[in-house]
C-alpha cells in the first residue's frame, strides 16, 4: 500500500478513506500523499491509518487543528486502540502537534 521513499517517509499509492464523526464528513487522503506514519512505538502496528489521516488533515491549512486531533483519537479507537492510549495520543498531539500544523 505504501512504498518507502526514505527511512522516515512513505507515499500512499491508493487513496485512504475514513468516515469521521468528529470531522462530520468523509476524509479522503489522496494517492501520492507523503506521511511519516506514527512515531509512538505502541501504535506502530495498529495506528498507522489513523496517523495518515491525521497527518493529511494537518497538511490542510484550512482544517482546524483541534478537529484533526479529535479525528486521530476517534480513528485510533475505531481500530481497537484502548481509550486510555487514544486519549494519551490526543493529549500529546494537543501539546506538541501545533509545530507540525501547516501554516
Protein backbone atom coordinates (compact mmCIF):
# COMPACT_ATOMS: atom_id res chain seq x y z
CA UNK A 1 0.00 0.00 0.00
CA UNK A 2 2.83 2.40 0.80
CA UNK A 3 6.20 2.38 -0.90
CA UNK A 4 9.00 3.65 1.29
CA UNK A 5 10.56 6.87 0.00
CA UNK A 6 13.36 7.10 2.55
CA UNK A 7 13.93 5.94 6.10
CA UNK A 8 11.15 8.13 7.52
CA UNK A 9 8.63 8.92 4.79
CA UNK A 10 6.12 6.81 2.90
CA UNK A 11 3.83 7.64 -0.01
CA UNK A 12 0.28 6.37 -0.47
CA UNK A 13 -0.23 4.54 -3.74
CA UNK A 14 -4.01 4.47 -3.35
CA UNK A 15 -6.47 6.74 -1.54
CA UNK A 16 -7.26 6.15 2.11
CA UNK A 17 -10.89 6.86 3.02
CA UNK A 18 -12.07 7.42 6.58
CA UNK A 19 -15.63 8.27 7.65
CA UNK A 20 -15.27 10.63 10.61
CA UNK A 21 -17.97 11.65 13.04
CA UNK A 22 -15.51 14.09 14.67
CA UNK A 23 -14.93 15.88 11.36
CA UNK A 24 -18.53 15.47 10.30
CA UNK A 25 -17.51 14.16 6.90
CA UNK A 26 -15.63 11.54 4.95
CA UNK A 27 -11.91 12.26 4.81
CA UNK A 28 -10.14 11.02 1.68
CA UNK A 29 -6.37 11.06 1.80
CA UNK A 30 -5.27 11.08 -1.86
CA UNK A 31 -2.83 8.72 -3.52
CA UNK A 32 0.58 10.40 -3.54
CA UNK A 33 0.24 11.84 -0.03
CA UNK A 34 3.52 11.56 1.91
CA UNK A 35 3.45 10.60 5.58
CA UNK A 36 5.85 9.67 8.35
CA UNK A 37 3.22 7.43 9.96
CA UNK A 38 3.09 7.33 13.74
CA UNK A 39 6.17 7.89 15.90
CA UNK A 40 4.76 6.38 19.12
CA UNK A 41 6.06 2.79 19.26
CA UNK A 42 3.00 1.12 20.89
CA UNK A 43 0.86 2.30 17.96
CA UNK A 44 3.21 1.24 15.13
CA UNK A 45 1.22 -1.82 14.08
CA UNK A 46 -2.33 -0.61 14.69
CA UNK A 47 -2.42 3.17 14.44
CA UNK A 48 -0.81 3.79 11.06
CA UNK A 49 -4.01 4.57 9.12
CA UNK A 50 -5.20 6.90 11.87
CA UNK A 51 -1.83 8.67 11.78
CA UNK A 52 -2.01 9.08 7.99
CA UNK A 53 -5.47 10.68 8.23
CA UNK A 54 -4.20 12.96 11.00
CA UNK A 55 -1.09 13.94 9.01
CA UNK A 56 -3.28 14.71 6.00
CA UNK A 57 -5.64 16.90 8.00
CA UNK A 58 -2.66 18.74 9.48
CA UNK A 59 -1.42 19.38 5.94
CA UNK A 60 -4.59 21.33 5.11
CA UNK A 61 -4.11 24.94 6.21
CA UNK A 62 -7.86 25.49 6.32
CA UNK A 63 -8.60 22.48 8.54
CA UNK A 64 -8.96 23.11 12.27
CA UNK A 65 -6.16 21.53 14.29
CA UNK A 66 -8.45 20.68 17.22
CA UNK A 67 -10.79 18.72 14.96
CA UNK A 68 -7.82 16.95 13.35
CA UNK A 69 -6.65 15.87 16.80
CA UNK A 70 -10.16 14.65 17.67
CA UNK A 71 -10.21 12.66 14.42
CA UNK A 72 -6.93 10.99 15.44
CA UNK A 73 -8.40 9.92 18.78
CA UNK A 74 -11.60 8.70 17.12
CA UNK A 75 -9.72 6.81 14.41
CA UNK A 76 -7.40 5.15 16.92
CA UNK A 77 -10.35 3.94 18.98
CA UNK A 78 -12.10 2.69 15.81
CA UNK A 79 -9.25 0.24 15.15
CA UNK A 80 -9.14 -1.08 18.70
CA UNK A 81 -6.68 1.18 20.47
CA UNK A 82 -7.73 1.49 24.10
CA UNK A 83 -9.49 4.69 25.10
CA UNK A 84 -6.69 5.44 27.57
CA UNK A 85 -3.95 5.15 24.92
CA UNK A 86 -6.03 7.12 22.39
CA UNK A 87 -6.51 9.89 24.97
CA UNK A 88 -2.77 9.86 25.71
CA UNK A 89 -2.08 10.36 22.00
CA UNK A 90 -4.70 13.11 21.83
CA UNK A 91 -3.06 14.92 24.76
CA UNK A 92 0.37 14.55 23.13
CA UNK A 93 -0.74 15.99 19.78
CA UNK A 94 -2.61 18.81 21.53
CA UNK A 95 0.57 19.67 23.44
CA UNK A 96 3.15 19.17 20.69
CA UNK A 97 1.38 18.92 17.34
CA UNK A 98 0.95 22.61 16.72
CA UNK A 99 4.51 22.97 15.46
CA UNK A 100 3.69 20.49 12.68
CA UNK A 101 0.43 22.08 11.54
CA UNK A 102 0.72 23.59 8.06
CA UNK A 103 0.99 27.35 8.11
